[in-house]
């Protein structure tokens, strides 16, 4: 894919805005961090469960020059908007994109890692508010910029955990580890199986002949103001109720279908449905893993379909737009699997598609979706990509 922000373009934009870059071009650095698409395992990460995301070749890049004044200043190339803050000064979050940069700086400092000021420009090929983890990509790209050369010596999972803390504690979204993990640890050509309880992980090859296609509903989602935190609280309420039956339970990862059935009479019906989704979703991750390794496309499709239905009916985070995209895609020959991806309430679907069927999927979505939704979709073929790092 040709990115709209090649290094030469970023360098030129930085030099045009920052005198220090013009004086010493050799000091310029560029870092990148990818978004992610989650293949399956939705809302399991906040319950110590299993997830199967992939970093994608849609990403955020920051070109910058370090500064000695402990001040961070970044300008968005798409809007011209500039965000700035002092690394050693208190800052109150205000619901804008610089929150994620400042959150990362706070979390790095809290972890005892040295950071430096910088002047830079930031560009993205990720659609915003689409559920492809632009927030995690900002955090990881910011971490690599704020740490400079020291970032390359850090454990990638540990850096992801620092960025997760930034989002939880500073931004206020009680997300799990998956998004930051995928952006930090991504592997080209592979999905990533992560056990969110043990933090053990490994790459999992995407079956030969299958391509990843993301379909954006055009209906934006705003996670910070969504019901994400409510869903997490409902999962915690479920655990508290199930512990009355089995005190050894710590998270929904510990719950079997039989245990949930035994505890269900004592649970609020809505809370029980939330738990039912999570318990079954962990099994669907394992089923998908086995199907990937066996090349069983029928089983992959069944797992994706069951996941989407569960997210729609039990966890109640889908939307009419997401449902429409899944229904349209599922009727296209050569589309192996389709489901919503991410936190829901709008955003995107993920599709596993035979390579020669991408055009047919595009045509079907463009022909059928606007009439059903009144919205214009975006069809994005993507590839699994490496995790965050330095370009120059």
Protein backbone atom coordinates (compact mmCIF):
# COMPACT_ATOMS: atom_id res chain seq x y z
CA UNK A 1 0.00 0.00 0.00
CA UNK A 2 1.30 3.49 -0.85
CA UNK A 3 1.17 5.60 2.28
CA UNK A 4 0.20 9.27 2.03
CA UNK A 5 3.08 10.26 4.31
CA UNK A 6 6.34 8.93 2.92
CA UNK A 7 9.48 9.88 4.88
CA UNK A 8 10.55 12.60 2.41
CA UNK A 9 7.13 14.24 2.67
CA UNK A 10 7.21 14.15 6.46
CA UNK A 11 10.71 15.56 6.60
CA UNK A 12 9.76 18.40 4.27
CA UNK A 13 6.70 19.20 6.36
CA UNK A 14 8.75 19.22 9.54
CA UNK A 15 11.48 21.42 8.07
CA UNK A 16 8.84 23.89 6.87
CA UNK A 17 7.46 24.24 10.40
CA UNK A 18 10.44 23.83 12.70
CA UNK A 19 13.62 25.93 12.44
CA UNK A 20 15.69 23.40 14.38
CA UNK A 21 14.96 20.76 11.76
CA UNK A 22 16.07 23.07 8.98
CA UNK A 23 19.33 23.87 10.78
CA UNK A 24 20.23 20.24 11.52
CA UNK A 25 18.41 17.79 9.20
CA UNK A 26 20.55 14.97 10.60
CA UNK A 27 18.69 15.27 13.91
CA UNK A 28 15.34 14.38 12.34
CA UNK A 29 13.77 11.11 13.39
CA UNK A 30 10.63 9.33 12.14
CA UNK A 31 8.74 6.70 14.13
CA UNK A 32 5.65 4.68 13.26
CA UNK A 33 2.99 2.59 14.98
CA UNK A 34 0.27 0.53 13.30
CA UNK A 35 -3.41 0.28 14.00
CA UNK A 36 -4.90 -3.13 14.54
CA UNK A 37 -7.85 -5.23 13.52
CA UNK A 38 -9.07 -7.87 15.92
CA UNK A 39 -9.87 -11.10 14.12
CA UNK A 40 -11.73 -12.62 17.06
CA UNK A 41 -11.84 -12.39 20.85
CA UNK A 42 -13.92 -9.29 21.57
CA UNK A 43 -14.18 -7.96 25.13
CA UNK A 44 -12.17 -10.95 26.31
CA UNK A 45 -9.03 -8.93 26.97
CA UNK A 46 -10.69 -7.00 29.82
CA UNK A 47 -11.62 -10.39 31.29
CA UNK A 48 -8.14 -11.99 31.26
CA UNK A 49 -9.12 -13.98 28.18
CA UNK A 50 -7.79 -14.84 24.74
CA UNK A 51 -7.58 -12.52 21.72
CA UNK A 52 -6.39 -12.85 18.12
CA UNK A 53 -5.58 -9.39 16.70
CA UNK A 54 -3.27 -8.35 13.89
CA UNK A 55 -1.36 -5.11 13.42
CA UNK A 56 -2.19 -3.61 10.02
CA UNK A 57 -0.45 -1.51 7.39
CA UNK A 58 -2.49 1.54 8.30
CA UNK A 59 -0.54 3.54 10.81
CA UNK A 60 0.51 6.75 12.52
CA UNK A 61 3.88 8.36 11.87
CA UNK A 62 5.66 11.11 13.77
CA UNK A 63 8.59 13.06 12.33
CA UNK A 64 10.39 15.06 15.00
CA UNK A 65 13.54 16.65 16.29
CA UNK A 66 14.42 16.22 19.98
CA UNK A 67 14.57 19.33 22.17
CA UNK A 68 16.21 20.09 25.50
CA UNK A 69 13.43 22.26 26.92
CA UNK A 70 11.17 19.43 28.19
CA UNK A 71 8.35 20.65 25.98
CA UNK A 72 6.41 18.57 23.46
CA UNK A 73 4.80 20.19 20.43
CA UNK A 74 3.14 18.23 17.63
CA UNK A 75 1.23 19.48 14.59
CA UNK A 76 -1.27 17.35 12.70
CA UNK A 77 -0.63 17.47 8.97
CA UNK A 78 -4.26 16.80 8.07
CA UNK A 79 -5.77 19.67 10.04
CA UNK A 80 -2.85 21.92 10.96
CA UNK A 81 -3.89 21.65 14.61
CA UNK A 82 -1.04 21.89 17.12
CA UNK A 83 -0.95 20.33 20.56
CA UNK A 84 1.68 21.16 23.14
CA UNK A 85 2.46 20.55 26.80
CA UNK A 86 5.35 20.54 29.25
CA UNK A 87 6.67 17.17 30.32
CA UNK A 88 7.14 18.34 33.91
CA UNK A 89 3.96 20.40 34.26
CA UNK A 90 0.49 19.19 35.27
CA UNK A 91 -1.99 18.93 32.41
CA UNK A 92 -5.71 18.23 32.58
CA UNK A 93 -7.09 16.05 29.79
CA UNK A 94 -9.58 17.83 27.56
CA UNK A 95 -10.90 15.12 25.24
CA UNK A 96 -8.63 15.95 22.29
CA UNK A 97 -5.97 13.90 20.51
CA UNK A 98 -3.02 15.42 22.47
CA UNK A 99 -4.46 13.67 25.54
CA UNK A 100 -3.00 10.41 24.22
CA UNK A 101 0.47 11.91 23.77
CA UNK A 102 0.39 13.49 27.22
CA UNK A 103 -0.97 10.27 28.72
CA UNK A 104 1.93 8.32 27.26
CA UNK A 105 4.45 10.85 28.58
CA UNK A 106 2.89 10.58 32.05
CA UNK A 107 2.94 6.77 32.01
CA UNK A 108 6.56 6.60 30.81
CA UNK A 109 7.63 9.00 33.54
CA UNK A 110 5.63 7.02 36.12
CA UNK A 111 7.47 3.88 34.97
CA UNK A 112 10.79 5.61 35.64
CA UNK A 113 11.79 5.95 32.00
CA UNK A 114 13.59 9.09 30.79
CA UNK A 115 11.79 11.16 28.16
CA UNK A 116 12.79 14.22 26.15
CA UNK A 117 11.01 17.17 24.63
CA UNK A 118 10.42 17.33 20.90
CA UNK A 119 8.99 19.32 18.02
CA UNK A 120 7.25 17.30 15.37
CA UNK A 121 4.50 16.60 12.90
CA UNK A 122 2.06 13.71 13.04
CA UNK A 123 0.26 12.02 10.16
CA UNK A 124 -2.10 9.06 9.92
CA UNK A 125 -3.50 6.64 7.35
CA UNK A 126 -5.92 5.25 9.95
CA UNK A 127 -9.55 6.36 9.75
CA UNK A 128 -10.45 7.96 13.08
CA UNK A 129 -13.15 6.57 15.35
CA UNK A 130 -13.41 3.43 13.25
CA UNK A 131 -12.38 0.86 15.86
CA UNK A 132 -8.92 0.26 14.38
CA UNK A 133 -7.10 1.51 17.48
CA UNK A 134 -5.84 4.88 16.32
CA UNK A 135 -5.54 5.74 20.02
CA UNK A 136 -3.16 2.84 20.70
CA UNK A 137 -1.17 3.77 17.58
CA UNK A 138 -0.80 7.35 18.83
CA UNK A 139 0.35 6.04 22.20
CA UNK A 140 2.97 3.67 20.76
CA UNK A 141 4.25 6.18 18.22
CA UNK A 142 4.46 8.80 20.97
CA UNK A 143 6.34 6.40 23.23
CA UNK A 144 8.94 5.73 20.54
CA UNK A 145 9.31 9.47 19.92
CA UNK A 146 9.48 10.47 23.60
CA UNK A 147 11.99 7.76 24.46
CA UNK A 148 14.17 8.19 21.38
CA UNK A 149 16.86 5.58 20.87
CA UNK A 150 16.07 4.01 24.25
CA UNK A 151 12.76 2.64 22.92
CA UNK A 152 14.50 -0.02 20.87
CA UNK A 153 15.98 -1.60 23.99
CA UNK A 154 12.68 -2.06 25.79
CA UNK A 155 10.60 -5.21 25.87
CA UNK A 156 7.74 -4.69 23.43
CA UNK A 157 5.09 -6.21 25.66
CA UNK A 158 6.23 -4.10 28.63
CA UNK A 159 5.99 -0.96 26.51
CA UNK A 160 2.46 -1.96 25.48
CA UNK A 161 1.52 -2.36 29.14
CA UNK A 162 2.82 1.14 29.90
CA UNK A 163 0.72 2.56 27.09
CA UNK A 164 -2.33 0.64 28.30
CA UNK A 165 -1.87 2.25 31.70
CA UNK A 166 -1.78 5.63 29.97
CA UNK A 167 -5.19 4.99 28.45
CA UNK A 168 -6.68 3.54 31.64
CA UNK A 169 -5.37 6.02 34.17
CA UNK A 170 -5.00 9.27 32.22
CA UNK A 171 -7.50 9.09 29.36
CA UNK A 172 -10.02 7.21 31.49
CA UNK A 173 -10.96 4.38 29.11
CA UNK A 174 -10.73 1.03 30.93
CA UNK A 175 -9.40 -0.83 27.90
CA UNK A 176 -7.63 -4.15 28.02
CA UNK A 177 -4.13 -4.82 26.72
CA UNK A 178 -5.01 -6.02 23.22
CA UNK A 179 -4.82 -2.76 21.26
CA UNK A 180 -1.47 -1.57 22.59
CA UNK A 181 -0.10 -5.12 22.43
CA UNK A 182 -0.97 -5.51 18.75
CA UNK A 183 0.46 -2.12 17.83
CA UNK A 184 3.69 -2.86 19.70
CA UNK A 185 4.21 -6.56 18.92
CA UNK A 186 2.74 -6.94 15.43
CA UNK A 187 4.28 -9.40 12.97
CA UNK A 188 4.04 -9.09 9.19
CA UNK A 189 1.81 -11.75 7.68
CA UNK A 190 0.50 -13.02 11.01
CA UNK A 191 -2.15 -12.57 13.62
CA UNK A 192 -1.11 -12.62 17.29
CA UNK A 193 -2.54 -15.00 19.87
CA UNK A 194 -2.40 -13.31 23.27
CA UNK A 195 -3.37 -14.86 26.59
CA UNK A 196 -4.32 -11.76 28.58
CA UNK A 197 -4.04 -13.64 31.89
CA UNK A 198 -0.51 -14.99 31.49
CA UNK A 199 0.57 -12.42 28.82
CA UNK A 200 2.03 -15.31 26.81
CA UNK A 201 1.75 -14.71 23.08
CA UNK A 202 2.84 -15.98 19.72
CA UNK A 203 2.31 -15.14 16.04
CA UNK A 204 -0.23 -17.22 14.12
CA UNK A 205 0.07 -17.35 10.34
CA UNK A 206 -3.01 -16.23 8.43
CA UNK A 207 -4.03 -19.12 6.12
CA UNK A 208 -2.58 -18.94 2.64
CA UNK A 209 -4.84 -17.42 0.04
CA UNK A 210 -6.87 -15.35 2.50
CA UNK A 211 -6.77 -11.55 2.59
CA UNK A 212 -7.91 -9.19 5.32
CA UNK A 213 -10.49 -6.60 4.32
CA UNK A 214 -11.83 -3.99 6.71
CA UNK A 215 -15.17 -2.36 5.90
CA UNK A 216 -15.81 0.95 7.64
CA UNK A 217 -19.48 1.70 8.30
CA UNK A 218 -18.95 5.44 8.08
CA UNK A 219 -20.69 5.60 11.45
CA UNK A 220 -18.04 6.84 13.88
CA UNK A 221 -17.65 5.49 17.37
CA UNK A 222 -16.27 7.41 20.32
CA UNK A 223 -15.02 4.94 22.85
CA UNK A 224 -14.47 7.44 25.66
CA UNK A 225 -18.16 8.41 25.66
CA UNK A 226 -19.53 4.97 24.73
CA UNK A 227 -20.79 2.21 26.98
CA UNK A 228 -17.40 0.46 26.99
CA UNK A 229 -16.78 1.16 30.68
CA UNK A 230 -20.32 0.05 31.48
CA UNK A 231 -19.70 -3.30 29.81
CA UNK A 232 -16.54 -3.76 31.84
CA UNK A 233 -18.43 -3.00 35.05
CA UNK A 234 -21.11 -5.52 34.07
CA UNK A 235 -18.46 -8.19 33.60
CA UNK A 236 -17.08 -7.40 37.04
CA UNK A 237 -20.60 -7.64 38.48
CA UNK A 238 -20.94 -11.06 36.86
CA UNK A 239 -17.72 -12.23 38.49
CA UNK A 240 -18.93 -11.05 41.90
CA UNK A 241 -22.17 -13.00 41.48
CA UNK A 242 -20.47 -16.15 40.22
CA UNK A 243 -18.07 -16.06 43.18
CA UNK A 244 -21.04 -16.70 45.45
CA UNK A 245 -21.22 -20.12 43.79
CA UNK A 246 -17.47 -20.67 43.34
CA UNK A 247 -15.20 -18.41 45.44
CA UNK A 248 -12.11 -19.43 43.44
CA UNK A 249 -13.27 -17.41 40.41
CA UNK A 250 -11.22 -14.28 39.79
CA UNK A 251 -12.28 -13.29 36.27
CA UNK A 252 -14.67 -14.55 33.59
CA UNK A 253 -11.70 -16.46 32.16
CA UNK A 254 -12.16 -18.86 35.08
CA UNK A 255 -15.83 -19.53 34.29
CA UNK A 256 -17.05 -22.59 32.40
CA UNK A 257 -20.45 -22.81 30.71
CA UNK A 258 -21.57 -25.22 33.45
CA UNK A 259 -20.54 -22.84 36.23
CA UNK A 260 -22.27 -19.95 34.53
CA UNK A 261 -25.45 -22.01 34.25
CA UNK A 262 -25.29 -22.82 37.98
CA UNK A 263 -24.78 -19.18 38.93
CA UNK A 264 -27.22 -17.69 36.44
CA UNK A 265 -30.33 -17.67 38.69
CA UNK A 266 -28.52 -15.28 41.03
CA UNK A 267 -27.39 -12.89 38.29
CA UNK A 268 -29.14 -9.94 36.76
CA UNK A 269 -30.32 -11.18 33.32
CA UNK A 270 -28.37 -8.48 31.44
CA UNK A 271 -25.22 -9.24 33.40
CA UNK A 272 -25.66 -12.95 32.72
CA UNK A 273 -25.85 -12.28 28.98
CA UNK A 274 -22.63 -10.29 29.10
CA UNK A 275 -20.90 -13.17 30.87
CA UNK A 276 -22.31 -15.72 28.42
CA UNK A 277 -20.70 -13.84 25.53
CA UNK A 278 -17.27 -13.69 27.16
CA UNK A 279 -17.23 -17.34 28.24
CA UNK A 280 -18.15 -18.54 24.74
CA UNK A 281 -15.90 -16.03 22.99
CA UNK A 282 -12.79 -17.52 24.58
CA UNK A 283 -13.77 -20.89 23.14
CA UNK A 284 -14.30 -19.27 19.73
CA UNK A 285 -10.75 -17.93 19.78
CA UNK A 286 -9.43 -21.45 20.32
CA UNK A 287 -11.73 -22.78 17.60
CA UNK A 288 -10.46 -20.13 15.19
CA UNK A 289 -6.86 -20.93 16.06
CA UNK A 290 -7.43 -24.61 15.32
CA UNK A 291 -9.21 -23.74 12.07
CA UNK A 292 -6.35 -21.45 10.99
CA UNK A 293 -3.82 -24.18 11.61
CA UNK A 294 -5.93 -26.76 9.75
CA UNK A 295 -6.85 -24.39 6.91
CA UNK A 296 -10.54 -25.07 7.64
CA UNK A 297 -12.26 -22.03 6.15
CA UNK A 298 -15.73 -23.34 6.97
CA UNK A 299 -14.90 -23.49 10.68
CA UNK A 300 -13.38 -20.00 10.54
CA UNK A 301 -16.61 -18.68 9.06
CA UNK A 302 -18.71 -20.39 11.71
CA UNK A 303 -16.63 -18.93 14.54
CA UNK A 304 -16.78 -15.42 13.10
CA UNK A 305 -20.53 -15.67 12.54
CA UNK A 306 -21.17 -16.90 16.07
CA UNK A 307 -18.98 -14.13 17.49
CA UNK A 308 -20.90 -11.43 15.64
CA UNK A 309 -24.27 -12.83 16.69
CA UNK A 310 -23.11 -12.95 20.31
CA UNK A 311 -21.83 -9.38 20.22
CA UNK A 312 -25.14 -8.30 18.68
CA UNK A 313 -27.54 -10.25 20.89
CA UNK A 314 -25.73 -10.92 24.19
CA UNK A 315 -23.18 -8.14 24.59
CA UNK A 316 -25.31 -5.65 22.62
CA UNK A 317 -22.50 -3.61 21.09
CA UNK A 318 -23.25 -4.06 17.41
CA UNK A 319 -25.31 -1.62 15.35
CA UNK A 320 -27.67 -1.77 12.36
CA UNK A 321 -24.81 -0.53 10.16
CA UNK A 322 -22.41 -3.23 11.36
CA UNK A 323 -25.09 -5.89 10.97
CA UNK A 324 -25.79 -4.74 7.42
CA UNK A 325 -22.14 -4.96 6.41
CA UNK A 326 -21.82 -8.44 7.87
CA UNK A 327 -24.98 -9.63 6.10
CA UNK A 328 -23.87 -8.20 2.75
CA UNK A 329 -20.36 -9.64 3.02
CA UNK A 330 -21.57 -13.06 4.13
CA UNK A 331 -23.59 -13.41 0.93
CA UNK A 332 -20.57 -12.81 -1.34
CA UNK A 333 -18.92 -15.97 -2.73
CA UNK A 334 -15.31 -16.07 -1.63
CA UNK A 335 -15.91 -14.19 1.64
CA UNK A 336 -14.86 -16.81 4.18
CA UNK A 337 -15.76 -14.94 7.37
CA UNK A 338 -17.23 -11.62 8.47
CA UNK A 339 -17.99 -9.98 11.81
CA UNK A 340 -17.82 -6.66 13.61
CA UNK A 341 -14.43 -5.84 15.09
CA UNK A 342 -13.42 -3.58 17.93
CA UNK A 343 -15.60 -2.18 20.68
CA UNK A 344 -18.65 -1.71 18.46
CA UNK A 345 -21.25 1.07 18.54
CA UNK A 346 -20.26 1.82 14.95
CA UNK A 347 -16.82 1.41 13.40
CA UNK A 348 -15.74 -1.50 11.23
CA UNK A 349 -16.17 -5.11 10.25
CA UNK A 350 -13.33 -7.52 9.56
CA UNK A 351 -13.55 -9.95 6.67
CA UNK A 352 -11.38 -12.88 5.63
CA UNK A 353 -11.66 -13.04 1.87
CA UNK A 354 -10.21 -15.19 -0.90
CA UNK A 355 -7.86 -12.90 -2.77
CA UNK A 356 -9.79 -13.03 -6.03
CA UNK A 357 -13.05 -12.11 -4.27
CA UNK A 358 -11.99 -8.70 -2.92
CA UNK A 359 -13.44 -6.94 -5.95
CA UNK A 360 -16.77 -8.74 -5.58
CA UNK A 361 -16.95 -7.78 -1.91
CA UNK A 362 -16.24 -4.16 -2.77
CA UNK A 363 -18.97 -4.13 -5.43
CA UNK A 364 -21.53 -5.76 -3.14
CA UNK A 365 -20.89 -3.33 -0.29
CA UNK A 366 -20.95 -0.26 -2.53
CA UNK A 367 -24.16 -1.47 -4.19
CA UNK A 368 -26.06 -2.57 -1.11
CA UNK A 369 -24.87 -0.72 1.96
CA UNK A 370 -25.71 2.94 1.20
CA UNK A 371 -29.35 2.07 0.50
CA UNK A 372 -29.62 0.22 3.82
CA UNK A 373 -27.77 2.75 5.95
CA UNK A 374 -27.78 6.13 4.24
CA UNK A 375 -24.00 6.15 4.74
CA UNK A 376 -20.97 5.83 2.49
CA UNK A 377 -18.77 2.85 3.38
CA UNK A 378 -15.00 2.57 3.06
CA UNK A 379 -13.50 -0.74 1.92
CA UNK A 380 -9.92 -1.17 3.09
CA UNK A 381 -7.87 -4.21 2.07
CA UNK A 382 -5.12 -4.41 4.69
CA UNK A 383 -2.12 -6.60 5.42
CA UNK A 384 -0.78 -7.81 8.74
CA UNK A 385 2.19 -5.62 9.62
CA UNK A 386 5.14 -5.35 11.99
CA UNK A 387 4.77 -3.51 15.28
CA UNK A 388 5.88 -0.01 16.20
CA UNK A 389 9.41 1.18 15.55
CA UNK A 390 11.75 3.74 14.08
CA UNK A 391 11.99 4.46 10.34
CA UNK A 392 14.92 6.86 10.52
